[in-house]
Protein backbone atom coordinates (compact mmCIF):
# COMPACT_ATOMS: atom_id res chain seq x y z
CA MET A 1 0.00 0.00 0.00
CA THR A 2 1.40 3.36 -1.07
CA SER A 3 1.44 6.00 1.68
CA LYS A 4 0.43 9.58 0.85
CA SER A 5 2.55 12.52 1.84
CA LEU A 6 0.95 15.09 4.10
CA LEU A 7 2.25 17.75 1.72
CA THR A 8 0.28 16.33 -1.20
CA GLU A 9 -3.22 17.74 -1.74
CA ASP A 10 -5.93 15.25 -2.49
CA LYS A 11 -9.12 16.13 -4.34
CA ARG A 12 -11.08 17.00 -1.22
CA THR A 13 -8.32 19.26 0.07
CA LYS A 14 -8.03 20.98 -3.30
CA ALA A 15 -11.78 21.54 -3.41
CA ARG A 16 -11.78 22.91 0.14
CA ASN A 17 -8.89 25.26 -0.59
CA ALA A 18 -10.54 26.42 -3.80
CA ALA A 19 -13.77 27.13 -1.92
CA GLU A 20 -11.81 29.13 0.65
CA ARG A 21 -10.14 31.18 -2.07
CA ARG A 22 -13.51 31.83 -3.71
CA PHE A 23 -14.97 32.93 -0.40
CA LYS A 24 -12.09 35.35 0.14
CA SER A 25 -12.47 36.72 -3.37
CA TYR A 26 -16.20 37.22 -2.80
CA GLY A 27 -15.44 39.15 0.38
CA VAL A 28 -12.85 41.33 -1.34
CA ALA A 29 -15.26 41.95 -4.22
CA ALA A 30 -18.05 42.89 -1.81
CA ILE A 31 -15.78 45.35 0.00
CA ALA A 32 -14.62 46.80 -3.32
CA VAL A 33 -18.20 47.28 -4.53
CA ALA A 34 -19.19 48.89 -1.23
CA MET A 35 -16.19 51.24 -1.30
CA MET A 36 -16.90 52.12 -4.92
CA ALA A 37 -20.54 52.89 -4.15
CA LEU A 38 -19.48 55.02 -1.19
CA ALA A 39 -16.93 56.87 -3.31
CA ILE A 40 -19.53 57.53 -6.02
CA LEU A 41 -22.01 58.78 -3.43
CA LEU A 42 -19.54 61.09 -1.71
CA THR A 43 -18.20 62.38 -5.03
CA SER A 44 -21.71 63.11 -6.25
CA VAL A 45 -22.63 64.96 -3.06
CA ILE A 46 -19.40 66.97 -2.98
CA VAL A 47 -19.50 67.91 -6.67
CA LYS A 48 -23.13 69.00 -6.50
CA GLY A 49 -22.91 70.67 -3.10
CA ILE A 50 -19.56 72.42 -3.12
CA GLY A 51 -21.14 75.35 -4.94
CA ALA A 52 -23.18 76.17 -1.84
CA PHE A 53 -19.97 77.29 -0.14
CA SER A 54 -19.34 80.02 -2.71
CA GLN A 55 -21.56 82.94 -3.61
CA THR A 56 -21.71 85.62 -6.28
CA TYR A 57 -21.77 89.23 -5.07
CA VAL A 58 -22.39 92.53 -6.81
CA THR A 59 -20.37 95.57 -5.72
CA ILE A 60 -22.39 98.76 -6.11
CA ASP A 61 -21.94 102.39 -5.14
CA ILE A 62 -25.41 103.44 -4.02
CA THR A 63 -26.54 106.98 -3.37
CA LEU A 64 -29.14 106.94 -0.59
CA PRO A 65 -31.54 109.80 -1.46
CA ALA A 66 -33.23 111.50 1.46
CA ASP A 67 -36.36 112.33 -0.53
CA ARG A 68 -37.07 108.62 -1.05
CA LEU A 69 -35.76 107.02 2.12
CA ASP A 70 -36.37 109.73 4.73
CA LYS A 71 -39.27 111.82 3.52
CA GLU A 72 -39.69 113.55 6.88
CA GLY A 73 -36.02 114.50 6.96
CA ASN A 74 -35.61 113.96 10.71
CA ARG A 75 -33.46 110.80 10.54
CA ASP A 76 -35.89 108.99 12.84
CA PRO A 77 -35.55 105.22 12.32
CA ALA A 78 -39.20 104.72 13.26
CA GLU A 79 -40.30 107.07 10.47
CA MET A 80 -37.72 105.72 8.02
CA ALA A 81 -38.97 102.18 8.64
CA LYS A 82 -42.16 103.10 6.79
CA THR A 83 -40.16 102.83 3.57
CA THR A 84 -40.40 99.16 2.64
CA THR A 85 -37.92 97.01 0.78
CA ILE A 86 -39.84 97.79 -2.41
CA GLY A 87 -38.78 101.41 -2.06
CA TYR A 88 -35.18 100.36 -1.55
CA ALA A 89 -35.27 98.07 -4.60
CA SER A 90 -35.56 101.04 -6.95
CA VAL A 91 -32.65 102.74 -5.19
CA LEU A 92 -30.51 99.63 -5.68
CA ARG A 93 -31.50 99.41 -9.33
CA ASP A 94 -30.53 103.04 -9.93
CA GLY A 95 -27.26 102.47 -8.10
CA LEU A 96 -26.40 99.49 -10.30
CA ILE A 97 -27.24 101.45 -13.46
CA ASP A 98 -24.97 104.28 -12.32
CA THR A 99 -22.22 101.78 -11.48
CA LEU A 100 -22.45 100.27 -14.96
CA ALA A 101 -22.25 103.71 -16.53
CA ALA A 102 -19.22 104.60 -14.42
CA ALA A 103 -17.53 101.39 -15.58
CA GLY A 104 -18.23 102.23 -19.22
CA ILE A 105 -20.57 99.29 -19.76
CA GLU A 106 -23.31 99.93 -22.28
CA THR A 107 -26.25 97.56 -22.48
CA GLU A 108 -29.70 97.30 -23.98
CA VAL A 109 -31.01 95.37 -20.98
CA SER A 110 -33.99 97.17 -19.49
CA ALA A 111 -33.75 98.93 -16.15
CA LYS A 112 -36.13 96.39 -14.62
CA ASP A 113 -34.02 93.46 -15.78
CA ILE A 114 -30.88 95.15 -14.49
CA GLY A 115 -32.52 95.48 -11.09
CA ASP A 116 -33.56 91.83 -11.21
CA MET A 117 -29.90 90.81 -11.39
CA ILE A 118 -29.62 91.75 -7.73
CA SER A 119 -31.04 89.43 -5.09
CA LYS A 120 -34.35 90.40 -3.55
CA GLU A 121 -32.60 89.95 -0.22
CA ALA A 122 -30.32 92.89 -1.04
CA SER A 123 -33.09 95.43 -0.44
CA ALA A 124 -33.56 94.15 3.10
CA THR A 125 -29.80 94.20 3.65
CA VAL A 126 -29.48 97.85 2.63
CA ARG A 127 -32.62 98.83 4.54
CA ASN A 128 -31.38 97.24 7.76
CA ARG A 129 -28.02 98.97 7.44
CA VAL A 130 -29.64 102.36 6.84
CA LEU A 131 -32.03 101.95 9.77
CA ALA A 132 -29.09 101.00 11.98
CA ASN A 133 -27.18 104.11 10.87
CA PRO A 134 -29.52 106.87 9.61
CA ASP A 135 -26.55 109.17 9.00
CA LEU A 136 -25.91 107.23 5.77
CA ILE A 137 -28.87 109.04 4.19
CA GLY A 138 -27.62 111.41 1.52
CA GLU A 139 -24.27 109.63 1.22
CA THR A 140 -22.90 107.39 -1.52
CA VAL A 141 -22.08 104.07 0.10
CA ASN A 142 -20.33 101.02 -1.32
CA PHE A 143 -22.31 97.80 -0.84
CA ASN A 144 -21.44 94.17 -1.53
CA LEU A 145 -24.82 92.61 -2.25
CA LEU A 146 -26.00 89.16 -3.21
CA ALA A 147 -26.53 88.54 -6.90
CA ASP A 148 -29.75 86.90 -8.03
CA GLY A 149 -29.82 83.11 -7.82
CA ARG A 150 -29.84 82.68 -11.60
CA ILE A 151 -26.82 84.97 -12.00
CA ASP A 152 -25.07 83.05 -9.24
CA GLY A 153 -25.96 79.80 -11.00
CA PHE A 154 -24.49 81.10 -14.25
CA PHE A 155 -21.05 81.57 -12.70
CA LYS A 156 -21.27 78.13 -11.11
CA GLY A 157 -22.25 76.40 -14.34
CA ARG A 158 -25.78 75.63 -13.21
CA VAL A 159 -27.34 78.10 -15.67
CA THR A 160 -26.31 78.36 -19.32
CA MET A 161 -27.28 80.55 -22.25
CA GLU A 162 -29.41 77.71 -23.57
CA THR A 163 -31.34 77.21 -20.35
CA ALA A 164 -31.68 80.97 -19.90
CA SER A 165 -33.47 81.22 -23.24
CA ARG A 166 -36.20 79.00 -21.77
CA ASP A 167 -36.20 80.55 -18.29
CA GLN A 168 -38.68 83.24 -17.32
CA ASN A 169 -36.46 84.46 -14.47
CA VAL A 170 -33.34 85.28 -16.49
CA SER A 171 -32.44 86.09 -20.08
CA PRO A 172 -29.30 85.49 -22.15
CA GLU A 173 -28.87 89.26 -22.35
CA GLN A 174 -28.63 89.45 -18.57
CA LEU A 175 -26.00 86.72 -18.58
CA VAL A 176 -23.96 88.58 -21.20
CA LEU A 177 -24.18 91.70 -19.05
CA ALA A 178 -23.12 89.65 -16.02
CA GLU A 179 -20.01 88.51 -17.89
CA GLN A 180 -19.15 92.12 -18.70
CA MET A 181 -19.65 93.09 -15.06
CA ALA A 182 -17.38 90.25 -13.96
CA GLU A 183 -14.65 91.44 -16.32
CA VAL A 184 -14.52 94.85 -14.64
CA GLY A 185 -14.88 93.47 -11.11
CA ILE A 186 -18.46 94.54 -10.38
CA ILE A 187 -19.43 90.89 -9.97
CA GLU A 188 -17.25 88.36 -8.20
CA THR A 189 -17.65 84.93 -6.64
CA ARG A 190 -16.10 84.25 -3.25
CA ILE A 191 -16.36 81.91 -0.28
CA ASN A 192 -19.81 81.94 1.27
CA TRP A 193 -19.27 81.67 5.02
CA ALA A 194 -22.75 83.10 5.50
CA PHE A 195 -24.15 79.75 4.35
CA LEU A 196 -23.38 78.42 7.82
CA SER A 197 -24.92 81.33 9.70
CA LEU A 198 -27.83 82.79 7.72
CA PRO A 199 -31.39 81.55 8.29
CA ASP A 200 -33.55 79.96 5.63
CA ALA A 201 -34.97 82.09 2.82
CA SER A 202 -38.15 82.10 0.77
CA ASP A 203 -38.53 80.36 -2.57
CA GLN A 204 -37.69 83.61 -4.39
CA ARG A 205 -34.36 84.06 -2.55
CA PRO A 206 -32.40 80.79 -2.72
CA GLU A 207 -29.10 82.66 -2.80
CA ALA A 208 -29.82 83.99 0.71
CA ALA A 209 -30.70 80.64 2.30
CA GLY A 210 -28.43 79.37 5.05
CA LEU A 211 -28.12 76.78 7.79
CA GLY A 212 -27.90 79.08 10.81
CA VAL A 213 -31.27 78.20 12.34
CA ALA A 214 -30.91 74.50 11.50
CA ILE A 215 -27.45 74.21 13.06
CA LEU A 216 -28.61 76.03 16.19
CA GLY A 217 -31.73 73.87 16.43
CA SER A 218 -29.70 70.68 16.06
CA LEU A 219 -27.27 71.88 18.73
CA TYR A 220 -30.09 72.56 21.19
CA MET A 221 -31.62 69.14 20.52
CA MET A 222 -28.29 67.39 21.05
CA ILE A 223 -27.92 69.19 24.39
CA VAL A 224 -31.36 67.93 25.45
CA VAL A 225 -30.53 64.40 24.32
CA LEU A 226 -27.16 64.40 26.10
CA VAL A 227 -28.52 65.81 29.36
CA LEU A 228 -31.43 63.35 29.50
CA ALA A 229 -30.31 60.20 27.70
CA LEU A 230 -26.85 59.78 29.23
CA PRO A 231 -27.75 59.72 32.95
CA ILE A 232 -30.96 57.74 32.41
CA ALA A 233 -29.28 55.17 30.18
CA VAL A 234 -26.26 54.76 32.46
CA ALA A 235 -28.45 54.41 35.55
CA ALA A 236 -30.68 51.83 33.86
CA SER A 237 -27.66 49.90 32.60
CA ILE A 238 -25.97 49.82 35.99
CA TYR A 239 -29.12 48.56 37.65
CA LEU A 240 -29.81 45.86 35.06
CA GLU A 241 -26.21 44.70 34.88
CA GLU A 242 -25.06 44.99 38.48
CA PHE A 243 -28.03 45.03 40.84
CA ALA A 244 -31.18 43.62 39.21
CA PRO A 245 -32.06 40.01 40.05
CA LYS A 246 -32.04 37.62 37.12
CA ASN A 247 -35.68 36.65 36.78
CA ARG A 248 -38.56 36.74 34.33
CA TRP A 249 -39.19 40.46 34.74
CA THR A 250 -35.64 41.52 34.00
CA ASP A 251 -35.63 39.18 31.01
CA ILE A 252 -38.76 40.91 29.71
CA ILE A 253 -37.16 44.32 30.24
CA GLU A 254 -33.99 43.29 28.42
CA VAL A 255 -35.94 41.88 25.48
CA ASN A 256 -38.02 45.04 25.23
CA ILE A 257 -34.92 47.25 25.29
CA ALA A 258 -33.48 45.24 22.42
CA ASN A 259 -36.77 45.51 20.55
CA LEU A 260 -36.99 49.26 21.12
CA ALA A 261 -33.57 49.69 19.52
CA ALA A 262 -35.03 48.22 16.32
CA VAL A 263 -38.26 50.23 16.28
CA PRO A 264 -38.50 52.56 13.23
CA SER A 265 -37.75 56.14 14.18
CA ILE A 266 -41.06 57.40 12.80
CA VAL A 267 -42.84 55.49 15.58
CA TYR A 268 -41.02 57.65 18.12
CA GLY A 269 -42.23 60.68 16.20
CA ILE A 270 -45.83 59.49 16.53
CA LEU A 271 -45.27 58.89 20.24
CA GLY A 272 -43.76 62.34 20.69
CA LEU A 273 -46.63 63.96 18.82
CA ALA A 274 -49.19 62.19 21.02
CA ILE A 275 -47.48 62.74 24.38
CA PHE A 276 -45.37 65.89 24.23
CA ILE A 277 -47.51 68.00 21.90
CA ASN A 278 -51.10 66.77 22.12
CA PHE A 279 -51.11 65.71 25.79
CA MET A 280 -48.42 67.83 27.48
CA GLU A 281 -48.99 70.76 25.08
CA PHE A 282 -45.34 71.63 24.53
CA ASN A 283 -44.56 74.06 21.73
CA GLN A 284 -44.65 72.43 18.34
CA SER A 285 -41.41 72.32 16.32
CA SER A 286 -39.34 73.32 19.36
CA PRO A 287 -35.88 71.89 20.11
CA LEU A 288 -37.21 70.71 23.48
CA VAL A 289 -39.80 68.43 21.90
CA GLY A 290 -37.34 67.31 19.25
CA GLY A 291 -34.77 66.53 21.92
CA LEU A 292 -37.28 64.57 23.99
CA VAL A 293 -38.32 62.48 20.99
CA LEU A 294 -34.70 61.80 20.05
CA THR A 295 -33.95 60.94 23.68
CA LEU A 296 -36.58 58.20 23.60
CA MET A 297 -35.10 56.92 20.36
CA THR A 298 -31.49 57.04 21.58
CA LEU A 299 -32.00 55.51 25.04
CA PRO A 300 -32.02 51.83 23.91
CA THR A 301 -28.83 52.32 21.90
CA ILE A 302 -26.96 53.88 24.81
CA ILE A 303 -28.30 51.31 27.28
CA ILE A 304 -27.14 48.41 25.11
CA SER A 305 -23.66 49.89 24.58
CA THR A 306 -23.34 50.79 28.27
CA ARG A 307 -24.26 47.28 29.38
CA ALA A 308 -21.71 45.88 26.95
CA ALA A 309 -19.08 48.20 28.42
CA LEU A 310 -19.95 47.10 31.96
CA LYS A 311 -19.78 43.43 30.95
CA SER A 312 -16.32 43.95 29.49
CA VAL A 313 -14.90 44.79 32.93
CA PRO A 314 -13.44 41.53 34.36
CA PRO A 315 -15.29 40.03 37.34
CA SER A 316 -11.98 39.97 39.20
CA ILE A 317 -12.19 43.76 39.56
CA ARG A 318 -15.49 43.42 41.39
CA ASP A 319 -14.23 40.52 43.49
CA ALA A 320 -11.08 42.38 44.47
CA ALA A 321 -13.06 45.45 45.53
CA LEU A 322 -15.46 43.36 47.58
CA GLY A 323 -12.53 41.44 49.04
CA VAL A 324 -10.96 44.54 50.56
CA GLY A 325 -14.22 45.56 52.20
CA ALA A 326 -15.93 47.74 49.58
CA SER A 327 -19.68 47.60 49.34
CA LYS A 328 -21.46 46.59 46.17
CA MET A 329 -22.22 50.23 45.45
CA GLN A 330 -18.61 51.26 46.02
CA SER A 331 -17.24 48.51 43.81
CA VAL A 332 -19.52 49.55 40.96
CA PHE A 333 -19.09 53.32 41.15
CA HIS A 334 -15.44 53.45 42.24
CA HIS A 335 -14.01 50.63 40.13
CA VAL A 336 -16.31 49.17 37.48
CA LEU A 337 -17.88 52.37 36.15
CA PRO A 338 -14.58 54.27 35.61
CA LEU A 339 -13.16 51.30 33.71
CA ALA A 340 -16.31 51.09 31.56
CA ALA A 341 -16.38 54.84 30.90
CA PRO A 342 -14.62 54.69 27.48
CA GLY A 343 -17.20 52.25 26.14
CA ILE A 344 -20.05 54.26 27.63
CA LEU A 345 -18.69 57.45 26.09
CA THR A 346 -18.31 55.79 22.71
CA GLY A 347 -21.87 54.46 22.77
CA THR A 348 -23.19 57.86 23.79
CA ILE A 349 -21.42 59.67 20.96
CA ILE A 350 -22.63 57.11 18.43
CA GLY A 351 -26.16 57.48 19.78
CA LEU A 352 -25.93 61.27 19.44
CA ALA A 353 -24.64 60.90 15.89
CA GLN A 354 -27.60 58.68 15.07
CA ALA A 355 -29.99 61.22 16.58
CA LEU A 356 -28.34 64.08 14.68
CA GLY A 357 -29.16 62.46 11.35
CA GLU A 358 -32.79 61.57 12.07
CA THR A 359 -35.52 63.19 10.00
CA ALA A 360 -38.77 61.21 10.22
CA PRO A 361 -39.62 61.82 13.91
CA LEU A 362 -38.89 65.53 13.55
CA LEU A 363 -41.23 65.84 10.58
CA LEU A 364 -44.09 64.52 12.67
CA ILE A 365 -43.59 67.10 15.42
CA GLY A 366 -43.67 69.99 12.95
CA MET A 367 -40.00 70.89 12.63
CA VAL A 368 -40.43 71.07 8.87
CA ALA A 369 -41.94 74.55 9.21
CA PHE A 370 -40.26 77.55 7.60
CA VAL A 371 -38.34 79.32 10.39
CA ARG A 372 -36.25 82.46 9.92
CA ASP A 373 -35.85 83.62 13.51
CA TYR A 374 -32.93 82.19 15.45
CA PRO A 375 -34.21 80.13 18.41
CA GLN A 376 -33.20 81.30 21.85
CA ALA A 377 -31.95 78.88 24.47
CA PHE A 378 -34.42 80.46 26.89
CA SER A 379 -37.21 82.96 26.38
CA ASP A 380 -39.91 84.28 28.68
CA SER A 381 -42.68 83.29 26.29
CA ALA A 382 -41.50 79.83 25.21
CA GLY A 383 -39.30 78.73 28.11
CA LEU A 384 -36.22 76.53 27.82
CA PHE A 385 -35.51 75.50 24.21
CA GLY A 386 -39.13 76.30 23.38
CA ASP A 387 -38.74 78.61 20.38
CA PRO A 388 -39.70 77.22 16.96
CA SER A 389 -36.74 75.80 15.10
CA THR A 390 -35.67 73.30 12.51
CA ALA A 391 -32.80 70.82 12.25
CA LEU A 392 -30.13 69.94 9.72
CA PRO A 393 -31.73 66.79 8.24
CA VAL A 394 -35.14 68.46 8.13
CA GLN A 395 -33.67 71.51 6.41
CA ILE A 396 -32.14 69.21 3.81
CA TYR A 397 -35.52 67.56 3.25
CA ASN A 398 -37.20 70.96 3.02
CA TRP A 399 -34.79 72.26 0.39
CA THR A 400 -35.08 69.17 -1.78
CA GLN A 401 -38.83 69.77 -2.02
CA ARG A 402 -38.38 73.18 -3.64
CA SER A 403 -38.33 73.59 -7.39
CA ASP A 404 -35.41 75.99 -7.79
CA PRO A 405 -32.15 74.13 -8.62
CA ALA A 406 -30.32 76.55 -6.31
CA PHE A 407 -32.08 74.96 -3.34
CA VAL A 408 -30.96 71.51 -4.49
CA GLU A 409 -27.39 72.83 -4.45
CA ARG A 410 -28.02 74.19 -0.97
CA ALA A 411 -29.36 70.80 0.12
CA GLN A 412 -26.25 69.04 -1.16
CA GLY A 413 -24.10 71.56 0.69
CA ALA A 414 -26.09 70.91 3.87
CA ILE A 415 -25.48 67.18 3.42
CA ILE A 416 -21.75 67.91 3.36
CA VAL A 417 -22.06 69.88 6.60
CA LEU A 418 -24.06 67.07 8.22
CA LEU A 419 -21.54 64.45 7.07
CA VAL A 420 -18.70 66.52 8.50
CA PHE A 421 -20.45 66.69 11.87
CA LEU A 422 -21.10 62.95 11.82
CA LEU A 423 -17.51 62.17 10.85
CA ILE A 424 -16.21 64.39 13.65
CA MET A 425 -18.46 62.69 16.20
CA ASN A 426 -17.54 59.18 15.07
CA ALA A 427 -13.85 60.07 14.92
CA ALA A 428 -14.09 61.46 18.45
CA ALA A 429 -15.69 58.21 19.61
CA ILE A 430 -12.88 56.14 18.08
CA ILE A 431 -10.12 58.38 19.43
CA LEU A 432 -11.53 58.51 22.95
CA ARG A 433 -12.07 54.77 23.02
CA ARG A 434 -8.52 54.02 21.89
CA LYS A 435 -7.05 56.56 24.28
CA PHE A 436 -8.80 55.42 27.44
CA GLU A 437 -9.73 51.81 26.75
CA ARG A 438 -7.97 49.13 28.79
CA ARG A 439 -7.42 45.66 27.41
CA TRP A 440 -7.67 42.72 29.75
């Protein structure tokens, strides 16, 4: 009988090794496809949204006539406020016409169309500045004002001569004039830091829309979630893991916590609408209600991660503490909890990141409303975090529902901002865990 060498592969070994190689190749292919899809997604978002971080401005020397802006002549802001933005729009139009003439630009574009090249938000900007400083009346003042959304889109490649010929809001002649203005420096495109601070704008003013209210609303909600979810989740986890007896009731509680972590977020929105708004009569679309709803949604996630962190602490730590005379409470709070803190912190940050990106529950509590006023942390009328607000994911949803392509660009830019926040939070969780985690 011929003996086989252990180094010789038989048919079964060859088949098993081939299956292993195929499995590895499938795994590599799956990872490659996932990375490619992620790269395509991120590239698409960045390419379409990067334009939101730049903005086209028109530089105009405007003479502020007293006979049109201060008819009483007493420089009283209360009297001057009677002149609406419509009155200022004609002043801006005349200023732009004079600026074009001073630059030697001749055009057949009508005066109305020239005025339409400036954003409708510009009138409010000039009006607010004049009311803040009435001494500007009668002076010639240099203003950097927002260009109209279509003009801005032209310099970003979103609007072309061909599309302008079919657009009721802009004409090819206006685009030609805009090119001439850019050549002499009247129009320029620069970084738009105001995108991160300005409030939302109406459908007619996409170039003035910003994320200021949404960022502030999201910040307030995250504060509410952190203040409520962290202590409640940690306390519940410590009790279930360290003190609760192992019986049928604790088993039911643990199963329900696991089930709650898998409940669709919109269910929490329905619950928040029923309890916090309809029953408790909290202010609709307020960061307080949004934070409470997101707290309910985040609690199971933090509880599960906290219990896992507590389980990771070796039993010998508890036994050693008890052996030197510490009570059960002392062993948990003086020894186990500090060692589990990195895992608890990581789970909390991940839970907050999940809450930051939620949209469905916030839609149900009315945070989709158009809000221009910055919410206050505390106000006499609304209380703590009670002012109407919106949030980053809801603002993205809101902008995608509008017809103007400029709002779609704004939405893509907001997605970039949201992704940056999420990446920072997840990176912080990883760094903190690696820095403070102990391996046993």
